[in-house]
Amino acid sequence: MKSKYSTERIYSNDEISKNVYRMVVEGDYDLKPGQFYMMRAWKYEPYLSRPISVHAVGDNGIEFLYQVFGEGTALFSDLKKGDNIDLLGPLGNGFDIEEISGKVAVVVGGIGIAPMYEVMKKLKEKDQNIKIDLYAGFRDDIYSVDYMKEYADELILATEDGSTGYKGYVIDLLDCSKYDYILSCGPTPMMKALKKMTEESGTKAYFSLEDHMACGVGACLGCTCNTTRGKERICKEGPVFLGEDVKFDD
């Protein structure tokens, strides 16, 4: 799974919800679920590439799920079939699929759902008897769960506005003591609360962290987080950390 630079062709780039896009890039890829790529579709400006986690590896190439937040992702959203995009990756530390077993809760908030499709798929490919419940929380519009539920034994939905499922936060519906593993990606306040819940229940957890990244390879130290071992780089030692190791400081 050696990282490399490459220029690839866009197979598709579709808006699946308001400001949320699913991009498929042609090519053959070998990676661990939870890894990411540094991506750019411009020559000079913006200066930095953008880190985007891998959503899935499919027949037509690799899929990325991203939300338009700023200039870089807005440029991604303008890409059409046949356009080129520059990739560096796969990067970072993914989920330890071989370690995870038993009854699993995948807990996501918003665009944090992005890396979990490939995680769930690989877990089910490893062991059809593994039980996976998907807890997905959104502000309003939901996305991706229509095809991700293929790998979920149970789907639990929550929206802050109450338009779909439970009105409120999805972790309000979670009993960590029912699970052997909790896998999570989403807003920091959600994962901070979830860490406390897993500590109280004694459930093993993995957190996939998000941050702004400049280089993506650990050279610039621009995306550090606090862990029990001191400061570590989200792009290199992460983005996936054991729950017991990561610290969500105030």
Protein backbone atom coordinates (compact mmCIF):
# COMPACT_ATOMS: atom_id res chain seq x y z
CA MET A 1 0.00 0.00 0.00
CA LYS A 2 2.80 2.39 -0.91
CA SER A 3 1.74 6.01 -1.41
CA LYS A 4 2.21 7.54 -4.84
CA TYR A 5 1.48 10.62 -6.90
CA SER A 6 -0.75 10.10 -9.90
CA THR A 7 -3.05 11.96 -12.26
CA GLU A 8 -6.33 10.16 -12.84
CA ARG A 9 -9.54 10.67 -14.81
CA ILE A 10 -12.91 11.46 -13.29
CA TYR A 11 -15.49 8.76 -14.01
CA SER A 12 -18.38 10.61 -12.34
CA ASN A 13 -18.99 13.45 -9.88
CA ASP A 14 -22.60 13.69 -8.75
CA GLU A 15 -24.34 15.86 -6.17
CA ILE A 16 -26.25 13.40 -3.95
CA SER A 17 -27.50 15.94 -1.40
CA LYS A 18 -27.20 19.69 -1.00
CA ASN A 19 -23.46 20.48 -1.30
CA VAL A 20 -22.55 16.79 -0.87
CA TYR A 21 -20.88 15.00 -3.78
CA ARG A 22 -19.90 11.45 -4.63
CA MET A 23 -16.87 11.38 -6.93
CA VAL A 24 -15.56 8.29 -8.69
CA VAL A 25 -11.98 8.36 -9.97
CA GLU A 26 -10.79 5.74 -12.46
CA GLY A 27 -7.94 3.35 -11.67
CA ASP A 28 -6.89 0.36 -9.57
CA TYR A 29 -6.31 0.96 -5.85
CA ASP A 30 -5.01 -0.98 -2.86
CA LEU A 31 -5.64 0.54 0.57
CA LYS A 32 -6.89 0.06 4.12
CA PRO A 33 -10.39 1.31 4.96
CA GLY A 34 -10.06 4.64 6.74
CA GLN A 35 -7.10 5.92 4.71
CA PHE A 36 -7.29 9.13 2.67
CA TYR A 37 -5.81 10.93 -0.33
CA MET A 38 -4.47 14.45 -0.79
CA MET A 39 -6.28 15.74 -3.87
CA ARG A 40 -6.01 18.76 -6.14
CA ALA A 41 -7.64 19.78 -9.43
CA TRP A 42 -5.74 23.03 -9.97
CA LYS A 43 -2.22 24.18 -10.79
CA TYR A 44 -1.37 27.02 -8.41
CA GLU A 45 -4.36 28.29 -6.41
CA PRO A 46 -5.41 27.31 -3.82
CA TYR A 47 -1.90 26.55 -2.66
CA LEU A 48 -2.71 23.40 -0.67
CA SER A 49 -4.21 20.08 -1.75
CA ARG A 50 -7.27 18.84 0.13
CA PRO A 51 -7.46 15.66 2.26
CA ILE A 52 -10.46 13.51 1.32
CA SER A 53 -11.14 10.12 2.91
CA VAL A 54 -11.86 7.08 0.76
CA HIS A 55 -15.54 6.24 0.64
CA ALA A 56 -15.35 3.01 -1.37
CA VAL A 57 -13.31 1.02 -3.84
CA GLY A 58 -15.57 -0.15 -6.66
CA ASP A 59 -15.58 -1.63 -10.15
CA ASN A 60 -15.13 1.76 -11.81
CA GLY A 61 -12.38 3.01 -9.50
CA ILE A 62 -12.15 4.72 -6.14
CA GLU A 63 -15.00 6.74 -4.63
CA PHE A 64 -14.80 9.89 -2.52
CA LEU A 65 -17.67 11.45 -0.60
CA TYR A 66 -17.10 15.13 0.17
CA GLN A 67 -18.96 18.23 1.24
CA VAL A 68 -18.39 21.66 -0.27
CA PHE A 69 -16.93 23.81 2.53
CA GLY A 70 -14.57 26.24 0.79
CA GLU A 71 -12.62 27.09 -2.34
CA GLY A 72 -10.95 23.72 -2.88
CA THR A 73 -14.02 21.53 -2.50
CA ALA A 74 -16.02 24.03 -4.59
CA LEU A 75 -13.51 23.45 -7.41
CA PHE A 76 -13.92 19.68 -6.97
CA SER A 77 -17.68 20.07 -7.37
CA ASP A 78 -17.18 21.61 -10.84
CA LEU A 79 -15.29 18.58 -12.17
CA LYS A 80 -16.94 16.58 -14.93
CA LYS A 81 -16.51 13.10 -16.39
CA GLY A 82 -13.19 12.97 -18.26
CA ASP A 83 -11.51 15.75 -16.26
CA ASN A 84 -8.20 15.02 -14.51
CA ILE A 85 -7.42 15.12 -10.81
CA ASP A 86 -4.08 14.75 -9.00
CA LEU A 87 -3.87 12.24 -6.13
CA LEU A 88 -1.29 11.50 -3.46
CA GLY A 89 -2.00 8.39 -1.43
CA PRO A 90 -3.19 6.26 0.14
CA LEU A 91 -2.14 8.07 3.30
CA GLY A 92 -2.52 7.61 7.03
CA ASN A 93 -3.43 4.77 9.31
CA GLY A 94 -6.71 2.96 8.60
CA PHE A 95 -9.00 0.71 10.65
CA ASP A 96 -7.63 -2.64 11.81
CA ILE A 97 -10.24 -4.82 10.11
CA GLU A 98 -8.69 -8.08 11.34
CA GLU A 99 -8.89 -6.89 14.97
CA ILE A 100 -12.57 -5.90 14.91
CA SER A 101 -15.14 -8.62 15.58
CA GLY A 102 -18.35 -9.44 17.44
CA LYS A 103 -21.03 -6.80 17.65
CA VAL A 104 -20.04 -3.44 16.18
CA ALA A 105 -21.64 0.01 16.27
CA VAL A 106 -20.59 2.39 13.51
CA VAL A 107 -21.42 5.89 14.75
CA VAL A 108 -21.20 8.81 12.32
CA GLY A 109 -22.15 12.45 12.17
CA GLY A 110 -22.67 14.27 8.87
CA ILE A 111 -19.85 13.90 6.36
CA GLY A 112 -18.12 11.67 8.92
CA ILE A 113 -20.08 8.90 7.22
CA ALA A 114 -17.60 9.06 4.31
CA PRO A 115 -14.95 6.48 5.37
CA MET A 116 -17.40 4.02 6.88
CA TYR A 117 -18.87 2.43 3.75
CA GLU A 118 -15.59 0.68 2.90
CA VAL A 119 -15.07 -0.22 6.57
CA MET A 120 -18.46 -1.90 6.82
CA LYS A 121 -18.02 -3.69 3.50
CA LYS A 122 -14.61 -5.10 4.46
CA LEU A 123 -15.86 -6.22 7.87
CA LYS A 124 -18.74 -8.15 6.28
CA GLU A 125 -16.42 -9.64 3.63
CA LYS A 126 -14.16 -10.85 6.43
CA ASP A 127 -16.97 -12.36 8.50
CA GLN A 128 -20.61 -12.56 7.43
CA ASN A 129 -21.57 -13.32 11.04
CA ILE A 130 -20.27 -10.01 12.37
CA LYS A 131 -23.15 -7.77 13.47
CA ILE A 132 -22.93 -4.11 12.42
CA ASP A 133 -25.41 -1.43 13.51
CA LEU A 134 -25.09 1.92 11.74
CA TYR A 135 -25.94 4.99 13.83
CA ALA A 136 -26.05 7.97 11.47
CA GLY A 137 -26.78 11.53 12.55
CA PHE A 138 -27.37 14.57 10.34
CA ARG A 139 -28.50 18.17 10.74
CA ASP A 140 -31.31 17.80 8.20
CA ASP A 141 -30.86 16.02 4.85
CA ILE A 142 -29.60 12.44 5.06
CA TYR A 143 -27.34 10.84 2.44
CA SER A 144 -25.45 7.62 1.61
CA VAL A 145 -27.45 5.46 4.02
CA ASP A 146 -29.64 4.09 1.19
CA TYR A 147 -26.79 1.94 -0.15
CA MET A 148 -24.74 1.62 3.05
CA LYS A 149 -27.59 -0.22 4.79
CA GLU A 150 -26.68 -3.24 2.63
CA TYR A 151 -23.94 -3.92 5.20
CA ALA A 152 -25.90 -2.85 8.29
CA ASP A 153 -27.90 -5.28 10.41
CA GLU A 154 -29.75 -2.29 11.83
CA LEU A 155 -29.92 1.34 10.72
CA ILE A 156 -30.57 4.02 13.35
CA LEU A 157 -31.14 7.56 12.03
CA ALA A 158 -31.33 10.92 13.75
CA THR A 159 -31.64 14.48 12.48
CA GLU A 160 -31.33 17.65 14.50
CA ASP A 161 -34.44 19.11 12.86
CA GLY A 162 -36.46 15.92 13.24
CA SER A 163 -37.13 15.56 9.49
CA THR A 164 -35.96 11.92 9.49
CA GLY A 165 -35.76 9.47 12.38
CA TYR A 166 -35.13 10.60 15.92
CA LYS A 167 -35.07 14.35 16.58
CA GLY A 168 -31.77 15.10 18.28
CA TYR A 169 -28.30 13.58 18.40
CA VAL A 170 -27.77 10.01 17.28
CA ILE A 171 -25.58 9.14 20.29
CA ASP A 172 -28.66 9.69 22.47
CA LEU A 173 -29.90 6.38 21.02
CA LEU A 174 -26.67 4.45 21.63
CA ASP A 175 -26.04 2.01 24.46
CA CYS A 176 -22.31 1.31 24.21
CA SER A 177 -22.50 -1.63 26.61
CA LYS A 178 -24.34 -3.64 23.92
CA TYR A 179 -21.28 -3.63 21.63
CA ASP A 180 -17.80 -5.09 21.47
CA TYR A 181 -16.48 -2.25 19.29
CA ILE A 182 -17.48 1.34 18.52
CA LEU A 183 -16.16 2.85 15.27
CA SER A 184 -16.78 6.56 14.86
CA CYS A 185 -16.13 9.54 12.61
CA GLY A 186 -17.81 12.93 12.86
CA PRO A 187 -17.78 16.27 14.65
CA THR A 188 -15.34 16.54 17.56
CA PRO A 189 -18.08 17.28 20.18
CA MET A 190 -19.84 14.05 19.18
CA MET A 191 -16.69 11.94 19.44
CA LYS A 192 -15.68 13.62 22.70
CA ALA A 193 -19.04 12.63 24.22
CA LEU A 194 -18.72 9.17 22.70
CA LYS A 195 -15.28 8.67 24.22
CA LYS A 196 -16.72 9.32 27.67
CA MET A 197 -19.53 6.84 26.98
CA THR A 198 -17.12 4.11 25.85
CA GLU A 199 -14.90 4.68 28.88
CA GLU A 200 -17.89 4.23 31.18
CA SER A 201 -19.01 1.04 29.39
CA GLY A 202 -15.53 -0.38 28.84
CA THR A 203 -16.20 -0.79 25.11
CA LYS A 204 -13.21 -0.70 22.78
CA ALA A 205 -13.41 2.22 20.35
CA TYR A 206 -11.72 3.55 17.25
CA PHE A 207 -12.04 7.21 16.26
CA SER A 208 -11.28 8.59 12.80
CA LEU A 209 -10.28 12.23 13.28
CA GLU A 210 -10.67 15.10 10.84
CA ASP A 211 -8.48 18.20 10.55
CA HIS A 212 -7.05 20.71 8.11
CA MET A 213 -3.88 19.29 6.55
CA ALA A 214 -1.09 21.01 4.67
CA CYS A 215 1.16 18.17 3.49
CA GLY A 216 -0.63 14.94 4.40
CA VAL A 217 2.61 13.06 4.99
CA GLY A 218 3.58 14.18 8.49
CA ALA A 219 6.29 16.66 7.54
CA CYS A 220 4.70 19.97 8.47
CA LEU A 221 3.21 19.03 11.89
CA GLY A 222 0.14 21.10 11.05
CA CYS A 223 -2.47 18.54 12.10
CA THR A 224 -1.40 17.31 15.51
CA CYS A 225 -3.72 16.03 18.22
CA ASN A 226 -3.20 15.10 21.87
CA THR A 227 -2.82 11.44 22.77
CA THR A 228 -1.62 9.47 25.78
CA ARG A 229 1.77 9.32 24.03
CA GLY A 230 1.93 13.10 23.55
CA LYS A 231 1.18 15.02 20.37
CA GLU A 232 0.75 12.90 17.25
CA ARG A 233 0.02 13.70 13.61
CA ILE A 234 -3.49 12.99 12.38
CA CYS A 235 -2.21 12.51 8.83
CA LYS A 236 0.51 10.02 9.82
CA GLU A 237 -0.22 8.25 13.12
CA GLY A 238 -3.93 8.77 12.40
CA PRO A 239 -6.49 9.55 11.19
CA VAL A 240 -7.70 6.40 13.00
CA PHE A 241 -6.80 6.21 16.71
CA LEU A 242 -7.73 3.86 19.50
CA GLY A 243 -10.29 5.56 21.72
CA GLU A 244 -8.20 4.93 24.81
CA ASP A 245 -5.24 6.74 23.24
CA VAL A 246 -6.79 9.94 21.88
CA LYS A 247 -7.53 12.98 24.07
CA PHE A 248 -10.30 15.43 23.26
CA ASP A 249 -9.14 18.40 25.30
CA ASP A 250 -11.26 21.46 25.97
